[in-house]
Structures are given as C-alpha cells and as structure tokens.
C-alpha atoms as a PDB file:
ATOM      1  CA  MET A   1     107.759 184.996 100.225  1.00  0.00           C
ATOM      2  CA  ASN A   2     106.043 181.707 101.371  1.00  0.00           C
ATOM      3  CA  LEU A   3     109.036 179.467 100.736  1.00  0.00           C
ATOM      4  CA  ILE A   4     110.875 182.000 103.212  1.00  0.00           C
ATOM      5  CA  VAL A   5     108.629 181.849 105.799  1.00  0.00           C
ATOM      6  CA  LYS A   6     108.008 178.190 105.312  1.00  0.00           C
ATOM      7  CA  ILE A   7     111.864 177.854 105.946  1.00  0.00           C
ATOM      8  CA  SER A   8     112.108 180.213 108.745  1.00  0.00           C
ATOM      9  CA  ILE A   9     109.337 178.165 110.936  1.00  0.00           C
ATOM     10  CA  LEU A  10     110.966 175.055 110.006  1.00  0.00           C
ATOM     11  CA  PHE A  11     113.938 176.247 111.314  1.00  0.00           C
ATOM     12  CA  PHE A  12     112.821 177.717 114.637  1.00  0.00           C
ATOM     13  CA  TYR A  13     110.734 174.445 115.366  1.00  0.00           C
ATOM     14  CA  LEU A  14     114.297 172.435 115.072  1.00  0.00           C
ATOM     15  CA  ALA A  15     115.817 174.690 117.179  1.00  0.00           C
ATOM     16  CA  SER A  16     113.127 174.974 119.693  1.00  0.00           C
ATOM     17  CA  ALA A  17     113.139 170.817 119.874  1.00  0.00           C
ATOM     18  CA  LEU A  18     116.275 171.331 121.470  1.00  0.00           C
ATOM     19  CA  TYR A  19     114.873 173.235 124.289  1.00  0.00           C
ATOM     20  CA  GLY A  20     114.397 171.360 127.506  1.00  0.00           C
ATOM     21  CA  GLN A  21     115.410 173.586 130.363  1.00  0.00           C
ATOM     22  CA  TRP A  22     117.257 176.767 130.175  1.00  0.00           C
ATOM     23  CA  ALA A  23     120.900 176.632 129.845  1.00  0.00           C
ATOM     24  CA  LEU A  24     123.052 178.312 133.070  1.00  0.00           C
ATOM     25  CA  TRP A  25     126.395 178.980 131.080  1.00  0.00           C
ATOM     26  CA  GLY A  26     126.415 182.288 130.800  1.00  0.00           C
ATOM     27  CA  ASN A  27     125.317 185.190 128.580  1.00  0.00           C
ATOM     28  CA  PRO A  28     124.806 184.412 124.547  1.00  0.00           C
ATOM     29  CA  SER A  29     127.249 186.217 122.339  1.00  0.00           C
ATOM     30  CA  LEU A  30     126.118 186.172 118.820  1.00  0.00           C
ATOM     31  CA  PRO A  31     126.909 189.591 117.725  1.00  0.00           C
ATOM     32  CA  GLY A  32     124.951 190.940 115.105  1.00  0.00           C
ATOM     33  CA  GLY A  33     123.910 187.252 114.429  1.00  0.00           C
ATOM     34  CA  SER A  34     127.300 185.978 113.795  1.00  0.00           C
ATOM     35  CA  THR A  35     127.741 182.455 114.888  1.00  0.00           C
ATOM     36  CA  ASP A  36     131.818 182.615 114.304  1.00  0.00           C
ATOM     37  CA  LYS A  37     132.306 185.785 116.404  1.00  0.00           C
ATOM     38  CA  GLY A  38     132.875 187.093 119.924  1.00  0.00           C
ATOM     39  CA  LEU A  39     133.948 183.361 121.196  1.00  0.00           C
ATOM     40  CA  GLY A  40     137.230 181.610 121.155  1.00  0.00           C
ATOM     41  CA  ALA A  41     137.443 177.391 121.801  1.00  0.00           C
ATOM     42  CA  ASP A  42     139.906 175.891 123.846  1.00  0.00           C
ATOM     43  CA  ARG A  43     141.873 172.910 122.499  1.00  0.00           C
ATOM     44  CA  ASN A  44     139.573 170.223 121.398  1.00  0.00           C
ATOM     45  CA  GLU A  45     136.561 172.141 122.123  1.00  0.00           C
ATOM     46  CA  ILE A  46     134.364 172.761 119.005  1.00  0.00           C
ATOM     47  CA  TYR A  47     131.025 174.906 118.713  1.00  0.00           C
ATOM     48  CA  TYR A  48     128.378 174.015 116.024  1.00  0.00           C
ATOM     49  CA  SER A  49     126.432 176.645 114.465  1.00  0.00           C
ATOM     50  CA  LEU A  50     123.520 176.989 112.142  1.00  0.00           C
ATOM     51  CA  THR A  51     122.471 180.063 110.422  1.00  0.00           C
ATOM     52  CA  GLN A  52     119.185 180.842 108.172  1.00  0.00           C
ATOM     53  CA  SER A  53     119.001 184.142 106.813  1.00  0.00           C
ATOM     54  CA  SER A  54     116.079 185.456 104.613  1.00  0.00           C
ATOM     55  CA  GLN A  55     116.721 188.586 102.532  1.00  0.00           C
ATOM     56  CA  TYR A  56     113.948 190.452 100.489  1.00  0.00           C
ATOM     57  CA  ILE A  57     114.923 192.840  98.086  1.00  0.00           C
ATOM     58  CA  ASP A  58     111.761 195.305  96.433  1.00  0.00           C
ATOM     59  CA  TRP A  59     113.444 197.086  93.814  1.00  0.00           C
ATOM     60  CA  TRP A  60     112.764 199.279  90.861  1.00  0.00           C
ATOM     61  CA  HIS A  61     114.416 200.888  88.000  1.00  0.00           C
ATOM     62  CA  ALA A  62     113.418 203.172  85.038  1.00  0.00           C
ATOM     63  CA  PRO A  63     113.305 202.277  81.507  1.00  0.00           C
ATOM     64  CA  VAL A  64     116.366 201.022  79.682  1.00  0.00           C
ATOM     65  CA  PRO A  65     116.882 201.155  75.753  1.00  0.00           C
ATOM     66  CA  GLY A  66     114.857 198.992  74.146  1.00  0.00           C
ATOM     67  CA  GLU A  67     112.499 198.369  77.093  1.00  0.00           C
ATOM     68  CA  GLU A  68     110.716 201.640  77.509  1.00  0.00           C
ATOM     69  CA  PHE A  69     109.005 200.522  80.701  1.00  0.00           C
ATOM     70  CA  ASP A  70     109.699 200.655  84.163  1.00  0.00           C
ATOM     71  CA  HIS A  71     111.044 197.720  85.645  1.00  0.00           C
ATOM     72  CA  LYS A  72     110.128 196.349  88.953  1.00  0.00           C
ATOM     73  CA  GLY A  73     109.900 193.344  90.867  1.00  0.00           C
ATOM     74  CA  ASN A  74     111.588 191.395  93.976  1.00  0.00           C
ATOM     75  CA  LEU A  75     114.256 189.039  94.948  1.00  0.00           C
ATOM     76  CA  ILE A  76     113.998 186.884  97.490  1.00  0.00           C
ATOM     77  CA  THR A  77     117.139 184.818  99.211  1.00  0.00           C
ATOM     78  CA  SER A  78     116.740 181.894 101.311  1.00  0.00           C
ATOM     79  CA  ILE A  79     120.065 180.807 102.765  1.00  0.00           C
ATOM     80  CA  ILE A  80     121.210 178.113 105.052  1.00  0.00           C
ATOM     81  CA  SER A  81     124.781 177.861 106.769  1.00  0.00           C
ATOM     82  CA  PRO A  82     126.267 175.418 108.835  1.00  0.00           C
ATOM     83  CA  GLY A  83     129.356 175.749 110.427  1.00  0.00           C
ATOM     84  CA  PHE A  84     131.944 174.934 113.290  1.00  0.00           C
ATOM     85  CA  ILE A  85     134.455 176.322 115.144  1.00  0.00           C
ATOM     86  CA  TYR A  86     137.049 173.793 116.732  1.00  0.00           C
ATOM     87  CA  GLY A  87     140.088 174.422 119.113  1.00  0.00           C
ATOM     88  CA  LEU A  88     143.366 173.331 117.363  1.00  0.00           C
ATOM     89  CA  THR A  89     145.058 174.845 120.410  1.00  0.00           C
ATOM     90  CA  ASP A  90     144.243 176.914 123.128  1.00  0.00           C
ATOM     91  CA  LYS A  91     145.472 179.570 120.995  1.00  0.00           C
ATOM     92  CA  VAL A  92     144.390 178.337 117.311  1.00  0.00           C
ATOM     93  CA  ASN A  93     141.308 177.902 116.362  1.00  0.00           C
ATOM     94  CA  LEU A  94     139.474 176.824 112.890  1.00  0.00           C
ATOM     95  CA  SER A  95     136.358 177.808 111.424  1.00  0.00           C
ATOM     96  CA  ILE A  96     134.849 176.016 108.531  1.00  0.00           C
ATOM     97  CA  ASN A  97     131.103 176.942 107.156  1.00  0.00           C
ATOM     98  CA  THR A  98     129.347 176.919 103.870  1.00  0.00           C
ATOM     99  CA  THR A  99     126.066 177.984 102.103  1.00  0.00           C
ATOM    100  CA  LEU A 100     122.994 176.292 100.716  1.00  0.00           C
ATOM    101  CA  GLY A 101     120.257 178.232  99.580  1.00  0.00           C
ATOM    102  CA  LEU A 102     118.085 179.743  96.911  1.00  0.00           C
ATOM    103  CA  ARG A 103     117.615 183.235  95.329  1.00  0.00           C
ATOM    104  CA  ILE A 104     114.047 183.621  93.461  1.00  0.00           C
ATOM    105  CA  MET A 105     113.261 186.816  91.206  1.00  0.00           C
ATOM    106  CA  ASN A 106     109.721 188.136  90.306  1.00  0.00           C
ATOM    107  CA  PHE A 107     109.367 190.413  88.055  1.00  0.00           C
ATOM    108  CA  ASP A 108     106.351 192.657  88.054  1.00  0.00           C
ATOM    109  CA  GLY A 109     104.142 193.489  85.045  1.00  0.00           C
ATOM    110  CA  GLU A 110     103.221 191.981  81.498  1.00  0.00           C
ATOM    111  CA  ASN A 111     105.863 192.975  79.628  1.00  0.00           C
ATOM    112  CA  GLU A 112     108.589 190.907  78.377  1.00  0.00           C
ATOM    113  CA  SER A 113     112.097 191.724  79.311  1.00  0.00           C
ATOM    114  CA  VAL A 114     116.074 190.399  78.131  1.00  0.00           C
ATOM    115  CA  HIS A 115     117.086 191.787  81.788  1.00  0.00           C
ATOM    116  CA  HIS A 116     114.349 190.333  84.229  1.00  0.00           C
ATOM    117  CA  ARG A 117     111.806 187.331  84.344  1.00  0.00           C
ATOM    118  CA  ASP A 118     110.437 185.143  87.006  1.00  0.00           C
ATOM    119  CA  GLU A 119     113.122 182.832  87.398  1.00  0.00           C
ATOM    120  CA  HIS A 120     115.515 181.199  90.573  1.00  0.00           C
ATOM    121  CA  ALA A 121     119.498 180.452  90.702  1.00  0.00           C
ATOM    122  CA  ALA A 122     118.742 176.717  90.870  1.00  0.00           C
ATOM    123  CA  ASN A 123     118.086 176.703  87.151  1.00  0.00           C
ATOM    124  CA  ASP A 124     120.741 177.032  84.535  1.00  0.00           C
ATOM    125  CA  PHE A 125     120.015 180.126  82.309  1.00  0.00           C
ATOM    126  CA  ASP A 126     121.954 181.754  79.190  1.00  0.00           C
ATOM    127  CA  ASN A 127     124.671 183.211  81.020  1.00  0.00           C
ATOM    128  CA  ALA A 128     124.498 181.375  84.754  1.00  0.00           C
ATOM    129  CA  ILE A 129     125.255 177.870  85.944  1.00  0.00           C
ATOM    130  CA  GLY A 130     122.342 176.987  88.196  1.00  0.00           C
ATOM    131  CA  GLY A 131     122.894 175.171  91.560  1.00  0.00           C
ATOM    132  CA  ILE A 132     122.044 175.587  95.481  1.00  0.00           C
ATOM    133  CA  LEU A 133     125.511 175.610  96.388  1.00  0.00           C
ATOM    134  CA  GLY A 134     127.658 178.817  97.261  1.00  0.00           C
ATOM    135  CA  ASP A 135     130.473 179.966  99.178  1.00  0.00           C
ATOM    136  CA  SER A 136     132.501 178.140 101.701  1.00  0.00           C
ATOM    137  CA  LYS A 137     135.014 179.683 103.975  1.00  0.00           C
ATOM    138  CA  ILE A 138     137.631 178.216 105.981  1.00  0.00           C
ATOM    139  CA  ILE A 139     139.418 180.578 108.323  1.00  0.00           C
ATOM    140  CA  PHE A 140     142.417 180.156 111.180  1.00  0.00           C
ATOM    141  CA  ARG A 141     142.080 182.497 114.297  1.00  0.00           C
ATOM    142  CA  TYR A 142     144.169 183.251 116.916  1.00  0.00           C
ATOM    143  CA  LEU A 143     142.963 183.921 120.288  1.00  0.00           C
ATOM    144  CA  LEU A 144     145.162 187.046 121.407  1.00  0.00           C
ATOM    145  CA  LYS A 145     143.313 187.114 124.621  1.00  0.00           C
ATOM    146  CA  ASN A 146     140.210 184.652 125.581  1.00  0.00           C
ATOM    147  CA  THR A 147     138.756 185.261 128.688  1.00  0.00           C
ATOM    148  CA  GLY A 148     136.386 182.298 128.138  1.00  0.00           C
ATOM    149  CA  ALA A 149     132.946 182.671 130.778  1.00  0.00           C
ATOM    150  CA  GLY A 150     134.790 184.839 133.008  1.00  0.00           C
ATOM    151  CA  ASP A 151     134.662 188.689 132.591  1.00  0.00           C
ATOM    152  CA  GLY A 152     137.425 190.447 130.010  1.00  0.00           C
ATOM    153  CA  TYR A 153     138.713 190.901 126.829  1.00  0.00           C
ATOM    154  CA  ARG A 154     138.036 188.963 123.506  1.00  0.00           C
ATOM    155  CA  ILE A 155     140.831 189.700 120.916  1.00  0.00           C
ATOM    156  CA  ILE A 156     140.674 187.795 117.723  1.00  0.00           C
ATOM    157  CA  LEU A 157     142.692 187.818 114.909  1.00  0.00           C
ATOM    158  CA  GLY A 158     141.721 185.506 111.535  1.00  0.00           C
ATOM    159  CA  SER A 159     142.903 184.927 108.193  1.00  0.00           C
ATOM    160  CA  GLY A 160     141.367 182.738 105.985  1.00  0.00           C
ATOM    161  CA  LEU A 161     140.024 181.609 102.093  1.00  0.00           C
ATOM    162  CA  THR A 162     136.308 181.946 100.393  1.00  0.00           C
ATOM    163  CA  ILE A 163     136.098 178.774  98.491  1.00  0.00           C
ATOM    164  CA  PRO A 164     133.642 179.071  95.466  1.00  0.00           C
ATOM    165  CA  SER A 165     131.411 176.991  93.732  1.00  0.00           C
ATOM    166  CA  LYS A 166     130.537 176.556  90.375  1.00  0.00           C
ATOM    167  CA  ASN A 167     127.196 178.123  90.379  1.00  0.00           C
ATOM    168  CA  ASN A 168     127.925 181.614  88.945  1.00  0.00           C
ATOM    169  CA  LEU A 169     127.786 183.643  86.196  1.00  0.00           C
ATOM    170  CA  THR A 170     129.746 182.652  83.025  1.00  0.00           C
ATOM    171  CA  LYS A 171     128.793 185.518  80.510  1.00  0.00           C
ATOM    172  CA  SER A 172     129.066 189.422  81.862  1.00  0.00           C
ATOM    173  CA  PRO A 173     125.170 190.705  82.001  1.00  0.00           C
ATOM    174  CA  PHE A 174     126.393 193.881  80.174  1.00  0.00           C
ATOM    175  CA  LEU A 175     126.765 192.089  76.760  1.00  0.00           C
ATOM    176  CA  LYS A 176     125.246 193.572  73.618  1.00  0.00           C
ATOM    177  CA  ASP A 177     124.803 191.995  70.050  1.00  0.00           C
ATOM    178  CA  ASP A 178     123.877 194.679  67.402  1.00  0.00           C
ATOM    179  CA  ASP A 179     123.367 197.202  69.965  1.00  0.00           C
ATOM    180  CA  ALA A 180     120.988 195.806  72.122  1.00  0.00           C
ATOM    181  CA  PHE A 181     121.361 193.928  75.517  1.00  0.00           C
ATOM    182  CA  ILE A 182     121.266 189.944  74.501  1.00  0.00           C
ATOM    183  CA  PRO A 183     118.778 188.327  77.489  1.00  0.00           C
ATOM    184  CA  HIS A 184     121.019 187.459  80.709  1.00  0.00           C
ATOM    185  CA  ARG A 185     120.738 186.860  84.736  1.00  0.00           C
ATOM    186  CA  HIS A 186     122.204 189.358  87.153  1.00  0.00           C
ATOM    187  CA  PHE A 187     122.406 187.215  90.225  1.00  0.00           C
ATOM    188  CA  SER A 188     123.661 183.987  91.277  1.00  0.00           C
ATOM    189  CA  MET A 189     124.683 181.630  94.199  1.00  0.00           C
ATOM    190  CA  SER A 190     128.626 182.206  94.004  1.00  0.00           C
ATOM    191  CA  ASN A 191     131.111 184.980  92.702  1.00  0.00           C
ATOM    192  CA  GLY A 192     132.922 182.170  91.429  1.00  0.00           C
ATOM    193  CA  THR A 193     136.451 183.637  92.994  1.00  0.00           C
ATOM    194  CA  TYR A 194     138.945 182.430  95.459  1.00  0.00           C
ATOM    195  CA  ASN A 195     139.249 185.451  98.091  1.00  0.00           C
ATOM    196  CA  LEU A 196     141.581 186.210 101.023  1.00  0.00           C
ATOM    197  CA  ILE A 197     139.950 186.895 104.242  1.00  0.00           C
ATOM    198  CA  SER A 198     141.163 189.048 106.830  1.00  0.00           C
ATOM    199  CA  ASP A 199     139.427 189.847 110.029  1.00  0.00           C
ATOM    200  CA  ILE A 200     139.673 191.218 113.527  1.00  0.00           C
ATOM    201  CA  GLN A 201     137.558 190.752 116.889  1.00  0.00           C
ATOM    202  CA  LEU A 202     137.871 193.389 119.349  1.00  0.00           C
ATOM    203  CA  TYR A 203     134.937 192.603 122.390  1.00  0.00           C
ATOM    204  CA  TYR A 204     134.968 192.941 126.378  1.00  0.00           C
ATOM    205  CA  LYS A 205     132.241 190.834 128.335  1.00  0.00           C
ATOM    206  CA  ARG A 206     131.452 191.710 131.883  1.00  0.00           C
ATOM    207  CA  SER A 207     128.776 190.853 134.761  1.00  0.00           C
ATOM    208  CA  ALA A 208     127.154 194.557 134.111  1.00  0.00           C
ATOM    209  CA  ASN A 209     124.986 195.961 131.741  1.00  0.00           C
ATOM    210  CA  PRO A 210     126.110 196.268 128.254  1.00  0.00           C
ATOM    211  CA  VAL A 211     127.412 192.692 129.146  1.00  0.00           C
ATOM    212  CA  PHE A 212     129.108 192.417 126.210  1.00  0.00           C
ATOM    213  CA  PHE A 213     130.566 195.161 123.324  1.00  0.00           C
ATOM    214  CA  GLY A 214     133.125 195.777 120.683  1.00  0.00           C
ATOM    215  CA  ALA A 215     133.397 195.417 116.890  1.00  0.00           C
ATOM    216  CA  ASN A 216     134.839 193.198 114.225  1.00  0.00           C
ATOM    217  CA  PHE A 217     136.654 194.307 111.091  1.00  0.00           C
ATOM    218  CA  SER A 218     136.776 192.195 107.799  1.00  0.00           C
ATOM    219  CA  ILE A 219     138.324 192.583 104.752  1.00  0.00           C
ATOM    220  CA  GLU A 220     137.330 189.746 101.638  1.00  0.00           C
ATOM    221  CA  LYS A 221     139.549 190.700  98.525  1.00  0.00           C
ATOM    222  CA  PRO A 222     139.565 188.320  95.908  1.00  0.00           C
ATOM    223  CA  LEU A 223     143.066 186.837  94.436  1.00  0.00           C
ATOM    224  CA  LYS A 224     141.969 187.233  90.930  1.00  0.00           C
ATOM    225  CA  GLU A 225     138.944 187.217  88.332  1.00  0.00           C
ATOM    226  CA  ASN A 226     137.353 183.893  87.971  1.00  0.00           C
ATOM    227  CA  GLU A 227     137.240 181.653  84.755  1.00  0.00           C
ATOM    228  CA  TYR A 228     134.862 183.853  83.420  1.00  0.00           C
ATOM    229  CA  PHE A 229     136.835 186.731  83.531  1.00  0.00           C
ATOM    230  CA  TYR A 230     134.750 188.099  86.323  1.00  0.00           C
ATOM    231  CA  MET A 231     136.491 190.624  89.154  1.00  0.00           C
ATOM    232  CA  PRO A 232     134.214 191.062  92.011  1.00  0.00           C
ATOM    233  CA  GLY A 233     134.468 194.045  94.617  1.00  0.00           C
ATOM    234  CA  THR A 234     136.769 194.041  97.207  1.00  0.00           C
ATOM    235  CA  SER A 235     134.569 193.771 100.568  1.00  0.00           C
ATOM    236  CA  ILE A 236     135.720 196.254 103.792  1.00  0.00           C
ATOM    237  CA  LYS A 237     133.269 195.790 106.726  1.00  0.00           C
ATOM    238  CA  ALA A 238     132.665 196.482 110.418  1.00  0.00           C
ATOM    239  CA  VAL A 239     130.297 195.725 112.721  1.00  0.00           C
ATOM    240  CA  PHE A 240     129.692 197.355 116.145  1.00  0.00           C
ATOM    241  CA  SER A 241     127.760 195.405 118.427  1.00  0.00           C
ATOM    242  CA  THR A 242     126.257 196.125 122.495  1.00  0.00           C
ATOM    243  CA  ILE A 243     124.450 193.462 123.839  1.00  0.00           C
ATOM    244  CA  TYR A 244     121.935 194.114 127.030  1.00  0.00           C
ATOM    245  CA  LYS A 245     120.473 191.589 129.480  1.00  0.00           C
ATOM    246  CA  ARG A 246     117.158 191.796 129.851  1.00  0.00           C
ATOM    247  CA  PHE A 247     116.505 189.821 133.169  1.00  0.00           C
ATOM    248  CA  ASP A 248     113.385 188.711 131.665  1.00  0.00           C
ATOM    249  CA  ARG A 249     111.626 184.974 131.802  1.00  0.00           C
ATOM    250  CA  LEU A 250     113.630 183.765 128.920  1.00  0.00           C
ATOM    251  CA  ASP A 251     116.789 185.367 131.018  1.00  0.00           C
ATOM    252  CA  GLY A 252     117.338 186.927 127.111  1.00  0.00           C
ATOM    253  CA  SER A 253     119.668 189.355 125.817  1.00  0.00           C
ATOM    254  CA  LEU A 254     119.060 192.484 123.463  1.00  0.00           C
ATOM    255  CA  ASP A 255     121.610 193.244 120.258  1.00  0.00           C
ATOM    256  CA  LEU A 256     121.945 196.594 119.046  1.00  0.00           C
ATOM    257  CA  SER A 257     124.273 196.473 116.306  1.00  0.00           C
ATOM    258  CA  LEU A 258     125.477 198.415 113.336  1.00  0.00           C
ATOM    259  CA  GLY A 259     127.107 197.279 110.142  1.00  0.00           C
ATOM    260  CA  ILE A 260     129.081 199.443 108.020  1.00  0.00           C
ATOM    261  CA  GLU A 261     130.478 198.086 104.595  1.00  0.00           C
ATOM    262  CA  SER A 262     132.456 199.307 101.434  1.00  0.00           C
ATOM    263  CA  LEU A 263     132.458 197.351  98.143  1.00  0.00           C
ATOM    264  CA  SER A 264     134.834 198.478  95.418  1.00  0.00           C
ATOM    265  CA  LYS A 265     133.837 198.334  91.729  1.00  0.00           C
ATOM    266  CA  GLU A 266     133.395 194.700  89.998  1.00  0.00           C
ATOM    267  CA  TYR A 267     134.804 194.112  86.322  1.00  0.00           C
ATOM    268  CA  TRP A 268     134.097 191.867  83.623  1.00  0.00           C
ATOM    269  CA  ASN A 269     136.599 191.302  81.109  1.00  0.00           C
ATOM    270  CA  ASP A 270     138.279 194.244  82.644  1.00  0.00           C
ATOM    271  CA  ILE A 271     135.620 196.603  82.074  1.00  0.00           C
ATOM    272  CA  PRO A 272     134.022 198.349  85.048  1.00  0.00           C
ATOM    273  CA  SER A 273     130.063 197.692  85.518  1.00  0.00           C
ATOM    274  CA  PRO A 274     128.301 200.135  86.119  1.00  0.00           C
ATOM    275  CA  ASN A 275     126.551 201.044  89.450  1.00  0.00           C
ATOM    276  CA  SER A 276     128.842 198.532  91.246  1.00  0.00           C
ATOM    277  CA  SER A 277     130.450 200.267  93.743  1.00  0.00           C
ATOM    278  CA  VAL A 278     128.522 200.496  96.802  1.00  0.00           C
ATOM    279  CA  PHE A 279     128.698 201.772 100.438  1.00  0.00           C
ATOM    280  CA  MET A 280     125.894 200.702 102.895  1.00  0.00           C
ATOM    281  CA  ILE A 281     125.046 200.629 107.019  1.00  0.00           C
ATOM    282  CA  THR A 282     123.114 197.713 108.355  1.00  0.00           C
ATOM    283  CA  PRO A 283     121.441 198.629 111.752  1.00  0.00           C
ATOM    284  CA  SER A 284     120.346 195.396 113.128  1.00  0.00           C
ATOM    285  CA  LEU A 285     118.090 194.419 116.844  1.00  0.00           C
ATOM    286  CA  SER A 286     118.748 190.766 117.803  1.00  0.00           C
ATOM    287  CA  TYR A 287     116.869 188.806 120.763  1.00  0.00           C
ATOM    288  CA  LEU A 288     119.545 186.547 122.354  1.00  0.00           C
ATOM    289  CA  PHE A 289     118.811 183.426 124.572  1.00  0.00           C
ATOM    290  CA  ASN A 290     119.964 180.235 126.033  1.00  0.00           C
ATOM    291  CA  ILE A 291     118.492 177.200 125.503  1.00  0.00           C
ATOM    292  CA  LYS A 292     119.521 173.736 126.336  1.00  0.00           C
ATOM    293  CA  LYS A 293     122.075 172.792 123.557  1.00  0.00           C
ATOM    294  CA  GLY A 294     122.937 176.335 122.873  1.00  0.00           C
ATOM    295  CA  ALA A 295     122.199 179.863 122.020  1.00  0.00           C
ATOM    296  CA  LEU A 296     119.551 181.169 119.971  1.00  0.00           C
ATOM    297  CA  SER A 297     119.492 184.663 118.119  1.00  0.00           C
ATOM    298  CA  ILE A 298     116.646 186.292 115.950  1.00  0.00           C
ATOM    299  CA  SER A 299     117.977 189.289 114.053  1.00  0.00           C
ATOM    300  CA  LEU A 300     115.972 192.092 112.141  1.00  0.00           C
ATOM    301  CA  GLN A 301     118.364 193.963 109.535  1.00  0.00           C
ATOM    302  CA  LYS A 302     117.766 197.157 107.232  1.00  0.00           C
ATOM    303  CA  PRO A 303     120.376 197.484 104.817  1.00  0.00           C
ATOM    304  CA  ILE A 304     120.459 201.000 103.956  1.00  0.00           C
ATOM    305  CA  PHE A 305     122.339 202.207 100.831  1.00  0.00           C
ATOM    306  CA  ILE A 306     124.318 205.686 101.002  1.00  0.00           C
ATOM    307  CA  LYS A 307     126.078 204.913  97.405  1.00  0.00           C
ATOM    308  CA  GLY A 308     124.980 202.509  95.325  1.00  0.00           C
ATOM    309  CA  SER A 309     122.593 200.117  95.064  1.00  0.00           C
ATOM    310  CA  PHE A 310     122.000 196.614  94.997  1.00  0.00           C
ATOM    311  CA  ASN A 311     120.773 196.786  91.522  1.00  0.00           C
ATOM    312  CA  LYS A 312     123.569 195.887  89.102  1.00  0.00           C
ATOM    313  CA  ASN A 313     121.426 197.519  85.950  1.00  0.00           C
ATOM    314  CA  GLU A 314     122.624 198.526  82.515  1.00  0.00           C
ATOM    315  CA  GLY A 315     123.665 202.290  83.161  1.00  0.00           C
ATOM    316  CA  ASP A 316     123.476 205.272  85.912  1.00  0.00           C
ATOM    317  CA  LEU A 317     119.630 204.631  85.957  1.00  0.00           C
ATOM    318  CA  GLU A 318     117.189 206.622  88.194  1.00  0.00           C
ATOM    319  CA  GLN A 319     115.939 203.557  91.020  1.00  0.00           C
ATOM    320  CA  ASP A 320     115.005 202.553  94.265  1.00  0.00           C
ATOM    321  CA  THR A 321     115.585 199.283  96.300  1.00  0.00           C
ATOM    322  CA  GLY A 322     114.420 198.466  99.863  1.00  0.00           C
ATOM    323  CA  VAL A 323     115.924 195.370 101.792  1.00  0.00           C
ATOM    324  CA  TRP A 324     115.017 193.869 104.895  1.00  0.00           C
ATOM    325  CA  GLN A 325     116.825 190.689 106.306  1.00  0.00           C
ATOM    326  CA  LEU A 326     115.728 188.095 109.110  1.00  0.00           C
ATOM    327  CA  ILE A 327     118.618 185.858 110.623  1.00  0.00           C
ATOM    328  CA  ILE A 328     117.943 183.192 112.948  1.00  0.00           C
ATOM    329  CA  SER A 329     121.233 181.596 114.404  1.00  0.00           C
ATOM    330  CA  PHE A 330     121.716 179.038 116.531  1.00  0.00           C
ATOM    331  CA  ARG A 331     125.387 177.966 118.349  1.00  0.00           C
ATOM    332  CA  SER A 332     126.185 174.914 120.319  1.00  0.00           C
ATOM    333  CA  MET A 333     127.605 174.573 123.561  1.00  0.00           C
ATOM    334  CA  ALA A 334     131.320 173.923 123.395  1.00  0.00           C
ATOM    335  CA  LYS A 335     132.039 169.743 123.573  1.00  0.00           C
ATOM    336  CA  LYS A 336     134.908 167.822 123.651  1.00  0.00           C
ATOM    337  CA  ILE A 337     135.688 165.509 120.769  1.00  0.00           C
ATOM    338  CA  PHE A 338     139.159 164.096 122.164  1.00  0.00           C
ATOM    339  CA  ASN A 339     140.615 163.680 125.644  1.00  0.00           C
END
C-alpha cells in the first residue's frame, strides 16, 4: 500500500504545482473522473491529460484441490495514464492514451501455493511476460453536438482500437499436469488482444445545478484471440453522471456517478474460464475544481459485484472480494498548436 500512497502523493504534488490562481474558464467536466469524456476540441485545439488510478482488492476463496487451506491476500494496482484529445476538425477529434503501471500480489499465510505468492507484474513468471506497459487506445470521435463553454448538449460518437502490449499471460492459469495444477499467475498488464471500441456520449451542460449531467455508453470487443489462444470477454459499460456546483472557496463541484458493466465469459484454447463472467456496478464520488492550467478531479469508487467476482479461480468456489479505487485526474485547458 505504501507504493500506492507515494505515487498518489507525487501526482497530487505535481498537479498542485500548477496552481497559481483559480481559472475562470467554466465548470470542470470530468464525469466519473474520465479525462476523455464530456467535451470536444475545436480544430487544432489540444487537451492534455494525466490520470493516476489506484486499486486495492482484498480477496479470499475456499480451499482448492491439493491445497486444503483458505487462500487470501490482496492485489494492489497503480496505473498512470497520459493522453490527449486533438481537434482534427471542428467536428472530428482524435483521442490517444496509454497505460503504465504495476500490479502487486500479497499472499497471506505461511502455506506454499502454486496459485498465489508474493509477486508483481513487472517480473516474468512461468506463464507471464512481465513489464509495466499496459494497453493503449486510439479513438476517433465525431462531435454531433458540442456547445463548448455555453449551455446545451454535448453528443459525441466514438470508434477506435485498443492496442495491446506484450506484457500478458502466455499460458492458461488452469492447465494441469497429472491432474494437478502447475505454478501459474492470474494477472498481467495487458490481455494481449486488439479490441474494437465503440462509444456514445450524451451530456447536457447548463448554468443552474446540476450544471452537468448525462451518460456515456461503450462496448469493447476483442477482434480475435491473442497469440497464446486467449480470448478475453466483451465489455459493455454505461456510466451515468451528475455534477453539482458547490460555490465553495475552491469554486469546486461534486460529481455523483454510477457505472454499470457486464463482462462476458473468457476463453483459453476455446475452453471457457471458470468464474469469468461478471456483472458489476461502481458508485463514484468525485470532487472537481479548476486550477491555473486546467481541471483536477479526485474520485473514490467502490466496485460491487452483482454476478461473478474479480477472482478468476480454479472453479466455482466460495469466495469474497472487496475492492476500492482512488482516481486522480488532470485535464489541461485547451491549447492551439497550429494557427
């Protein structure tokens, strides 16, 4: 947890260093802490962004065959995602971001296990290529309606591609030798697949509270299995957001968001992975405020699993998972890079 805290403090310090006077460019709109949602860039305008997300997962599951003891621990993830939105025209935007980070597993107890251990995703393992680089996304967006700083609708249609890194699992974590599981890892920085992305943003901005409200809907579907015969599930997601102006000393705003996500079953070698289908909701509370160079959002999120679980373990076991997420997002003011 110390690594997560240090990175979060460093990020907040860097963002705070940008502070000089409160910007007067209107209410910030980073719905649910997303830096690429809720606005569009005019021709030759660019918005830079940086997001630092921290996730803490406390997990437990019942004994598995061959290891007759409870399995429990925590998985800590810290990810930094730089990106930008650029206006190719007044109607067409290009959004690009990438992810860099680390996932750390802490396995509780004195028992040895082929399923879990103290480890992190930067190192190689028997069935994993280690590294800190995650996926990158390239999305083209069409601004059907974009009211800019004034009141009115923002309706944006997007389509793009997820580009994987090489830091992914190379063998199924469910393989056996002589009917016994072999040592394996369950997590990595990338799934290793190219995914098609489609999204729709529907928002309305006005002067009275709530000053900004709406939703974005997205689907991310793998084009095919990766080179190691892994096919992740398709993600269908909706995030509903309402932003209220606080009129406090920081001239800040409160964002109340609710994410709903469905993940279909994943496959290794055309064999469905146990416990891989998920339906979850994620309530989110964010505080947003302007700084001299842009807008800053601090979000606390609590994913709740309605169906399935974070743990993709070796069967339909009794289990429990608790997840918390802290997201700190910065998006710059618009800059003209060409006349």
